[in-house]
Amino acid sequence: MQEIQPKNGSLKLNQVKVGQSVRVSHVLGEGALRQRILDMGLTRGAEVTVRKMAPLGDPLEVTVRGYQLSLRKAEAACILVE
C-alpha cells in the first residue's frame, strides 16, 4: 500500500487519541477495502469517537453513527479525519 501523507490539519484515524471526537474528511484506498469502510458508515462528514485502543494499537474501537465498530490499524490508516 502506498503511504499517503494527510493534508494540513488532517490526521489518520489511527493517530487519534482515545476519547477524542473527529469528523471524517476523506477515505483513502481502492476497491473492496475502500467500499467496506464506506459501507460501515465511515463516510465524509461522519462524526467518529475513539473509545478504546488495544495495548499494541490494533484493533481500535470507535463509535460512529450510534454504534461501536472495531477497526484494524491498517483500516484506520485509510481514513483521514479533522
PDB file of N, CA and C in Angstrom:
ATOM      1  N   MET A   1       0.842  -1.180   0.000  1.00  0.00           N
ATOM      2  CA  MET A   1       0.000   0.000   0.000  1.00  0.00           C
ATOM      3  C   MET A   1       0.886   1.243   0.000  1.00  0.00           C
ATOM      4  N   GLN A   2       0.571   2.192  -0.815  1.00  0.00           N
ATOM      5  CA  GLN A   2       1.326   3.434  -0.919  1.00  0.00           C
ATOM      6  C   GLN A   2       1.046   4.325   0.283  1.00  0.00           C
ATOM      7  N   GLU A   3       2.099   4.887   0.873  1.00  0.00           N
ATOM      8  CA  GLU A   3       1.956   5.777   2.021  1.00  0.00           C
ATOM      9  C   GLU A   3       1.531   7.152   1.534  1.00  0.00           C
ATOM     10  N   ILE A   4       0.395   7.638   2.018  1.00  0.00           N
ATOM     11  CA  ILE A   4      -0.123   8.955   1.637  1.00  0.00           C
ATOM     12  C   ILE A   4      -0.106   9.845   2.862  1.00  0.00           C
ATOM     13  N   GLN A   5       0.468  11.018   2.732  1.00  0.00           N
ATOM     14  CA  GLN A   5       0.535  11.963   3.844  1.00  0.00           C
ATOM     15  C   GLN A   5      -0.761  12.758   3.916  1.00  0.00           C
ATOM     16  N   PRO A   6      -1.313  12.925   5.121  1.00  0.00           N
ATOM     17  CA  PRO A   6      -2.526  13.721   5.265  1.00  0.00           C
ATOM     18  C   PRO A   6      -2.269  15.193   4.969  1.00  0.00           C
ATOM     19  N   LYS A   7      -3.309  15.888   4.544  1.00  0.00           N
ATOM     20  CA  LYS A   7      -3.222  17.327   4.285  1.00  0.00           C
ATOM     21  C   LYS A   7      -3.113  18.077   5.605  1.00  0.00           C
ATOM     22  N   ASN A   8      -2.777  19.353   5.517  1.00  0.00           N
ATOM     23  CA  ASN A   8      -2.666  20.184   6.719  1.00  0.00           C
ATOM     24  C   ASN A   8      -3.950  20.116   7.530  1.00  0.00           C
ATOM     25  N   GLY A   9      -3.807  19.922   8.845  1.00  0.00           N
ATOM     26  CA  GLY A   9      -4.964  19.873   9.724  1.00  0.00           C
ATOM     27  C   GLY A   9      -5.649  18.522   9.779  1.00  0.00           C
ATOM     28  N   SER A  10      -5.215  17.586   8.943  1.00  0.00           N
ATOM     29  CA  SER A  10      -5.825  16.256   8.934  1.00  0.00           C
ATOM     30  C   SER A  10      -4.923  15.252   9.626  1.00  0.00           C
ATOM     31  N   LEU A  11      -5.548  14.262  10.206  1.00  0.00           N
ATOM     32  CA  LEU A  11      -4.857  13.128  10.815  1.00  0.00           C
ATOM     33  C   LEU A  11      -5.446  11.862  10.222  1.00  0.00           C
ATOM     34  N   LYS A  12      -4.722  10.767  10.380  1.00  0.00           N
ATOM     35  CA  LYS A  12      -5.301   9.474  10.061  1.00  0.00           C
ATOM     36  C   LYS A  12      -6.023   9.006  11.319  1.00  0.00           C
ATOM     37  N   LEU A  13      -7.085   8.254  11.163  1.00  0.00           N
ATOM     38  CA  LEU A  13      -7.878   7.809  12.312  1.00  0.00           C
ATOM     39  C   LEU A  13      -7.038   7.023  13.314  1.00  0.00           C
ATOM     40  N   ASN A  14      -6.038   6.289  12.854  1.00  0.00           N
ATOM     41  CA  ASN A  14      -5.213   5.521  13.784  1.00  0.00           C
ATOM     42  C   ASN A  14      -4.284   6.406  14.622  1.00  0.00           C
ATOM     43  N   GLN A  15      -4.221   7.719  14.341  1.00  0.00           N
ATOM     44  CA  GLN A  15      -3.396   8.651  15.103  1.00  0.00           C
ATOM     45  C   GLN A  15      -4.194   9.421  16.158  1.00  0.00           C
ATOM     46  N   VAL A  16      -5.492   9.246  16.174  1.00  0.00           N
ATOM     47  CA  VAL A  16      -6.359   9.962  17.105  1.00  0.00           C
ATOM     48  C   VAL A  16      -6.280   9.296  18.473  1.00  0.00           C
ATOM     49  N   LYS A  17      -6.277  10.103  19.528  1.00  0.00           N
ATOM     50  CA  LYS A  17      -6.174   9.584  20.893  1.00  0.00           C
ATOM     51  C   LYS A  17      -7.536   9.131  21.415  1.00  0.00           C
ATOM     52  N   VAL A  18      -7.497   8.209  22.355  1.00  0.00           N
ATOM     53  CA  VAL A  18      -8.721   7.683  22.980  1.00  0.00           C
ATOM     54  C   VAL A  18      -9.485   8.833  23.634  1.00  0.00           C
ATOM     55  N   GLY A  19     -10.784   8.887  23.384  1.00  0.00           N
ATOM     56  CA  GLY A  19     -11.643   9.923  23.951  1.00  0.00           C
ATOM     57  C   GLY A  19     -11.891  11.092  23.008  1.00  0.00           C
ATOM     58  N   GLN A  20     -11.087  11.226  21.960  1.00  0.00           N
ATOM     59  CA  GLN A  20     -11.264  12.341  21.019  1.00  0.00           C
ATOM     60  C   GLN A  20     -12.376  12.037  20.025  1.00  0.00           C
ATOM     61  N   SER A  21     -13.086  13.101  19.641  1.00  0.00           N
ATOM     62  CA  SER A  21     -14.091  13.002  18.580  1.00  0.00           C
ATOM     63  C   SER A  21     -13.587  13.782  17.383  1.00  0.00           C
ATOM     64  N   VAL A  22     -13.750  13.203  16.210  1.00  0.00           N
ATOM     65  CA  VAL A  22     -13.273  13.814  14.965  1.00  0.00           C
ATOM     66  C   VAL A  22     -14.320  13.604  13.882  1.00  0.00           C
ATOM     67  N   ARG A  23     -14.119  14.257  12.750  1.00  0.00           N
ATOM     68  CA  ARG A  23     -15.006  14.119  11.603  1.00  0.00           C
ATOM     69  C   ARG A  23     -14.224  13.558  10.420  1.00  0.00           C
ATOM     70  N   VAL A  24     -14.819  12.608   9.714  1.00  0.00           N
ATOM     71  CA  VAL A  24     -14.168  12.010   8.544  1.00  0.00           C
ATOM     72  C   VAL A  24     -14.107  13.048   7.433  1.00  0.00           C
ATOM     73  N   SER A  25     -12.901  13.248   6.879  1.00  0.00           N
ATOM     74  CA  SER A  25     -12.760  14.192   5.777  1.00  0.00           C
ATOM     75  C   SER A  25     -12.544  13.489   4.436  1.00  0.00           C
ATOM     76  N   HIS A  26     -11.960  12.279   4.486  1.00  0.00           N
ATOM     77  CA  HIS A  26     -11.685  11.576   3.226  1.00  0.00           C
ATOM     78  C   HIS A  26     -11.364  10.115   3.528  1.00  0.00           C
ATOM     79  N   VAL A  27     -11.765   9.221   2.632  1.00  0.00           N
ATOM     80  CA  VAL A  27     -11.428   7.801   2.757  1.00  0.00           C
ATOM     81  C   VAL A  27     -10.488   7.447   1.612  1.00  0.00           C
ATOM     82  N   LEU A  28      -9.289   6.995   1.988  1.00  0.00           N
ATOM     83  CA  LEU A  28      -8.290   6.598   1.002  1.00  0.00           C
ATOM     84  C   LEU A  28      -8.494   5.139   0.617  1.00  0.00           C
ATOM     85  N   GLY A  29      -7.678   4.657  -0.273  1.00  0.00           N
ATOM     86  CA  GLY A  29      -7.731   3.251  -0.655  1.00  0.00           C
ATOM     87  C   GLY A  29      -8.512   3.044  -1.932  1.00  0.00           C
ATOM     88  N   GLU A  30      -8.519   1.790  -2.349  1.00  0.00           N
ATOM     89  CA  GLU A  30      -9.186   1.425  -3.593  1.00  0.00           C
ATOM     90  C   GLU A  30      -9.948   0.119  -3.421  1.00  0.00           C
ATOM     91  N   GLY A  31     -10.872  -0.102  -4.296  1.00  0.00           N
ATOM     92  CA  GLY A  31     -11.549  -1.383  -4.389  1.00  0.00           C
ATOM     93  C   GLY A  31     -12.339  -1.790  -3.173  1.00  0.00           C
ATOM     94  N   ALA A  32     -12.204  -3.075  -2.826  1.00  0.00           N
ATOM     95  CA  ALA A  32     -13.024  -3.684  -1.786  1.00  0.00           C
ATOM     96  C   ALA A  32     -12.784  -3.078  -0.405  1.00  0.00           C
ATOM     97  N   LEU A  33     -11.543  -2.741  -0.071  1.00  0.00           N
ATOM     98  CA  LEU A  33     -11.255  -2.163   1.240  1.00  0.00           C
ATOM     99  C   LEU A  33     -11.950  -0.824   1.403  1.00  0.00           C
ATOM    100  N   ARG A  34     -11.839   0.048   0.419  1.00  0.00           N
ATOM    101  CA  ARG A  34     -12.485   1.365   0.482  1.00  0.00           C
ATOM    102  C   ARG A  34     -14.006   1.212   0.569  1.00  0.00           C
ATOM    103  N   GLN A  35     -14.560   0.320  -0.228  1.00  0.00           N
ATOM    104  CA  GLN A  35     -16.010   0.112  -0.228  1.00  0.00           C
ATOM    105  C   GLN A  35     -16.480  -0.434   1.116  1.00  0.00           C
ATOM    106  N   ARG A  36     -15.702  -1.316   1.714  1.00  0.00           N
ATOM    107  CA  ARG A  36     -16.055  -1.881   3.024  1.00  0.00           C
ATOM    108  C   ARG A  36     -16.087  -0.789   4.089  1.00  0.00           C
ATOM    109  N   ILE A  37     -15.096   0.095   4.065  1.00  0.00           N
ATOM    110  CA  ILE A  37     -15.047   1.202   5.026  1.00  0.00           C
ATOM    111  C   ILE A  37     -16.268   2.104   4.855  1.00  0.00           C
ATOM    112  N   LEU A  38     -16.601   2.430   3.627  1.00  0.00           N
ATOM    113  CA  LEU A  38     -17.766   3.275   3.352  1.00  0.00           C
ATOM    114  C   LEU A  38     -19.059   2.588   3.783  1.00  0.00           C
ATOM    115  N   ASP A  39     -19.159   1.285   3.539  1.00  0.00           N
ATOM    116  CA  ASP A  39     -20.355   0.525   3.917  1.00  0.00           C
ATOM    117  C   ASP A  39     -20.563   0.487   5.432  1.00  0.00           C
ATOM    118  N   MET A  40     -19.476   0.610   6.194  1.00  0.00           N
ATOM    119  CA  MET A  40     -19.580   0.613   7.656  1.00  0.00           C
ATOM    120  C   MET A  40     -20.044   1.968   8.187  1.00  0.00           C
ATOM    121  N   GLY A  41     -20.264   2.941   7.316  1.00  0.00           N
ATOM    122  CA  GLY A  41     -20.762   4.243   7.743  1.00  0.00           C
ATOM    123  C   GLY A  41     -19.698   5.294   7.918  1.00  0.00           C
ATOM    124  N   LEU A  42     -18.463   4.971   7.589  1.00  0.00           N
ATOM    125  CA  LEU A  42     -17.364   5.927   7.715  1.00  0.00           C
ATOM    126  C   LEU A  42     -17.244   6.739   6.432  1.00  0.00           C
ATOM    127  N   THR A  43     -18.214   7.601   6.229  1.00  0.00           N
ATOM    128  CA  THR A  43     -18.267   8.441   5.038  1.00  0.00           C
ATOM    129  C   THR A  43     -17.908   9.879   5.407  1.00  0.00           C
ATOM    130  N   ARG A  44     -17.633  10.700   4.406  1.00  0.00           N
ATOM    131  CA  ARG A  44     -17.260  12.099   4.642  1.00  0.00           C
ATOM    132  C   ARG A  44     -18.307  12.789   5.515  1.00  0.00           C
ATOM    133  N   GLY A  45     -17.829  13.452   6.559  1.00  0.00           N
ATOM    134  CA  GLY A  45     -18.706  14.195   7.454  1.00  0.00           C
ATOM    135  C   GLY A  45     -19.192  13.427   8.666  1.00  0.00           C
ATOM    136  N   ALA A  46     -18.995  12.117   8.691  1.00  0.00           N
ATOM    137  CA  ALA A  46     -19.442  11.308   9.826  1.00  0.00           C
ATOM    138  C   ALA A  46     -18.582  11.617  11.056  1.00  0.00           C
ATOM    139  N   GLU A  47     -19.231  11.777  12.207  1.00  0.00           N
ATOM    140  CA  GLU A  47     -18.503  12.015  13.450  1.00  0.00           C
ATOM    141  C   GLU A  47     -18.086  10.678  14.047  1.00  0.00           C
ATOM    142  N   VAL A  48     -16.820  10.597  14.452  1.00  0.00           N
ATOM    143  CA  VAL A  48     -16.245   9.367  14.984  1.00  0.00           C
ATOM    144  C   VAL A  48     -15.598   9.677  16.328  1.00  0.00           C
ATOM    145  N   THR A  49     -15.872   8.842  17.334  1.00  0.00           N
ATOM    146  CA  THR A  49     -15.224   8.967  18.640  1.00  0.00           C
ATOM    147  C   THR A  49     -14.405   7.706  18.882  1.00  0.00           C
ATOM    148  N   VAL A  50     -13.132   7.888  19.201  1.00  0.00           N
ATOM    149  CA  VAL A  50     -12.277   6.745  19.524  1.00  0.00           C
ATOM    150  C   VAL A  50     -12.543   6.374  20.974  1.00  0.00           C
ATOM    151  N   ARG A  51     -13.038   5.147  21.200  1.00  0.00           N
ATOM    152  CA  ARG A  51     -13.435   4.711  22.544  1.00  0.00           C
ATOM    153  C   ARG A  51     -12.343   3.921  23.244  1.00  0.00           C
ATOM    154  N   LYS A  52     -11.738   2.979  22.555  1.00  0.00           N
ATOM    155  CA  LYS A  52     -10.719   2.116  23.154  1.00  0.00           C
ATOM    156  C   LYS A  52      -9.649   1.796  22.119  1.00  0.00           C
ATOM    157  N   MET A  53      -8.464   1.459  22.634  1.00  0.00           N
ATOM    158  CA  MET A  53      -7.398   1.006  21.758  1.00  0.00           C
ATOM    159  C   MET A  53      -6.677  -0.139  22.467  1.00  0.00           C
ATOM    160  N   ALA A  54      -6.418  -1.209  21.752  1.00  0.00           N
ATOM    161  CA  ALA A  54      -5.695  -2.343  22.326  1.00  0.00           C
ATOM    162  C   ALA A  54      -4.285  -1.890  22.717  1.00  0.00           C
ATOM    163  N   PRO A  55      -3.640  -2.604  23.633  1.00  0.00           N
ATOM    164  CA  PRO A  55      -2.309  -2.191  24.094  1.00  0.00           C
ATOM    165  C   PRO A  55      -1.291  -1.950  22.983  1.00  0.00           C
ATOM    166  N   LEU A  56      -1.344  -2.718  21.930  1.00  0.00           N
ATOM    167  CA  LEU A  56      -0.418  -2.517  20.816  1.00  0.00           C
ATOM    168  C   LEU A  56      -1.039  -1.674  19.695  1.00  0.00           C
ATOM    169  N   GLY A  57      -2.222  -1.104  19.950  1.00  0.00           N
ATOM    170  CA  GLY A  57      -2.866  -0.216  18.984  1.00  0.00           C
ATOM    171  C   GLY A  57      -3.690  -0.913  17.919  1.00  0.00           C
ATOM    172  N   ASP A  58      -3.840  -2.222  18.033  1.00  0.00           N
ATOM    173  CA  ASP A  58      -4.568  -2.950  16.997  1.00  0.00           C
ATOM    174  C   ASP A  58      -5.398  -4.046  17.650  1.00  0.00           C
ATOM    175  N   PRO A  59      -6.708  -4.038  17.595  1.00  0.00           N
ATOM    176  CA  PRO A  59      -7.576  -3.092  16.893  1.00  0.00           C
ATOM    177  C   PRO A  59      -7.930  -1.894  17.772  1.00  0.00           C
ATOM    178  N   LEU A  60      -8.689  -0.974  17.186  1.00  0.00           N
ATOM    179  CA  LEU A  60      -9.221   0.133  17.955  1.00  0.00           C
ATOM    180  C   LEU A  60     -10.731   0.137  17.808  1.00  0.00           C
ATOM    181  N   GLU A  61     -11.404   0.599  18.855  1.00  0.00           N
ATOM    182  CA  GLU A  61     -12.868   0.621  18.860  1.00  0.00           C
ATOM    183  C   GLU A  61     -13.331   2.060  18.759  1.00  0.00           C
ATOM    184  N   VAL A  62     -14.234   2.315  17.822  1.00  0.00           N
ATOM    185  CA  VAL A  62     -14.776   3.658  17.616  1.00  0.00           C
ATOM    186  C   VAL A  62     -16.293   3.615  17.680  1.00  0.00           C
ATOM    187  N   THR A  63     -16.886   4.769  17.922  1.00  0.00           N
ATOM    188  CA  THR A  63     -18.327   4.922  17.831  1.00  0.00           C
ATOM    189  C   THR A  63     -18.599   5.789  16.612  1.00  0.00           C
ATOM    190  N   VAL A  64     -19.436   5.291  15.726  1.00  0.00           N
ATOM    191  CA  VAL A  64     -19.824   6.036  14.530  1.00  0.00           C
ATOM    192  C   VAL A  64     -21.305   5.777  14.269  1.00  0.00           C
ATOM    193  N   ARG A  65     -22.052   6.845  14.044  1.00  0.00           N
ATOM    194  CA  ARG A  65     -23.483   6.750  13.745  1.00  0.00           C
ATOM    195  C   ARG A  65     -24.257   5.940  14.792  1.00  0.00           C
ATOM    196  N   GLY A  66     -23.827   6.036  16.066  1.00  0.00           N
ATOM    197  CA  GLY A  66     -24.551   5.405  17.150  1.00  0.00           C
ATOM    198  C   GLY A  66     -24.209   3.956  17.432  1.00  0.00           C
ATOM    199  N   TYR A  67     -23.219   3.399  16.781  1.00  0.00           N
ATOM    200  CA  TYR A  67     -22.842   2.024  17.089  1.00  0.00           C
ATOM    201  C   TYR A  67     -21.326   1.902  17.221  1.00  0.00           C
ATOM    202  N   GLN A  68     -20.890   0.831  17.929  1.00  0.00           N
ATOM    203  CA  GLN A  68     -19.479   0.594  18.136  1.00  0.00           C
ATOM    204  C   GLN A  68     -18.928  -0.264  16.997  1.00  0.00           C
ATOM    205  N   LEU A  69     -17.720   0.067  16.594  1.00  0.00           N
ATOM    206  CA  LEU A  69     -17.091  -0.587  15.463  1.00  0.00           C
ATOM    207  C   LEU A  69     -15.630  -0.822  15.789  1.00  0.00           C
ATOM    208  N   SER A  70     -15.131  -2.020  15.535  1.00  0.00           N
ATOM    209  CA  SER A  70     -13.712  -2.314  15.714  1.00  0.00           C
ATOM    210  C   SER A  70     -13.031  -2.276  14.354  1.00  0.00           C
ATOM    211  N   LEU A  71     -11.887  -1.591  14.307  1.00  0.00           N
ATOM    212  CA  LEU A  71     -11.133  -1.451  13.068  1.00  0.00           C
ATOM    213  C   LEU A  71      -9.695  -1.888  13.278  1.00  0.00           C
ATOM    214  N   ARG A  72      -9.132  -2.502  12.277  1.00  0.00           N
ATOM    215  CA  ARG A  72      -7.705  -2.788  12.305  1.00  0.00           C
ATOM    216  C   ARG A  72      -6.947  -1.488  12.112  1.00  0.00           C
ATOM    217  N   LYS A  73      -5.716  -1.478  12.571  1.00  0.00           N
ATOM    218  CA  LYS A  73      -4.866  -0.292  12.450  1.00  0.00           C
ATOM    219  C   LYS A  73      -4.697   0.104  10.975  1.00  0.00           C
ATOM    220  N   ALA A  74      -4.531  -0.882  10.093  1.00  0.00           N
ATOM    221  CA  ALA A  74      -4.357  -0.613   8.669  1.00  0.00           C
ATOM    222  C   ALA A  74      -5.613   0.004   8.053  1.00  0.00           C
ATOM    223  N   GLU A  75      -6.789  -0.436   8.512  1.00  0.00           N
ATOM    224  CA  GLU A  75      -8.042   0.138   8.009  1.00  0.00           C
ATOM    225  C   GLU A  75      -8.189   1.578   8.484  1.00  0.00           C
ATOM    226  N   ALA A  76      -7.874   1.820   9.764  1.00  0.00           N
ATOM    227  CA  ALA A  76      -7.985   3.173  10.322  1.00  0.00           C
ATOM    228  C   ALA A  76      -7.006   4.137   9.650  1.00  0.00           C
ATOM    229  N   ALA A  77      -5.893   3.622   9.163  1.00  0.00           N
ATOM    230  CA  ALA A  77      -4.913   4.473   8.488  1.00  0.00           C
ATOM    231  C   ALA A  77      -5.410   4.965   7.129  1.00  0.00           C
ATOM    232  N   CYS A  78      -6.469   4.363   6.603  1.00  0.00           N
ATOM    233  CA  CYS A  78      -7.042   4.773   5.317  1.00  0.00           C
ATOM    234  C   CYS A  78      -8.104   5.866   5.478  1.00  0.00           C
ATOM    235  N   ILE A  79      -8.364   6.279   6.720  1.00  0.00           N
ATOM    236  CA  ILE A  79      -9.421   7.250   6.990  1.00  0.00           C
ATOM    237  C   ILE A  79      -8.805   8.545   7.491  1.00  0.00           C
ATOM    238  N   LEU A  80      -8.947   9.611   6.712  1.00  0.00           N
ATOM    239  CA  LEU A  80      -8.440  10.921   7.123  1.00  0.00           C
ATOM    240  C   LEU A  80      -9.538  11.653   7.894  1.00  0.00           C
ATOM    241  N   VAL A  81      -9.153  12.281   9.002  1.00  0.00           N
ATOM    242  CA  VAL A  81     -10.116  12.981   9.867  1.00  0.00           C
ATOM    243  C   VAL A  81      -9.612  14.365  10.220  1.00  0.00           C
ATOM    244  N   GLU A  82     -10.529  15.195  10.663  1.00  0.00           N
ATOM    245  CA  GLU A  82     -10.194  16.565  11.091  1.00  0.00           C
ATOM    246  C   GLU A  82     -10.701  16.789  12.494  1.00  0.00           C
TER     247      GLU A  82
END
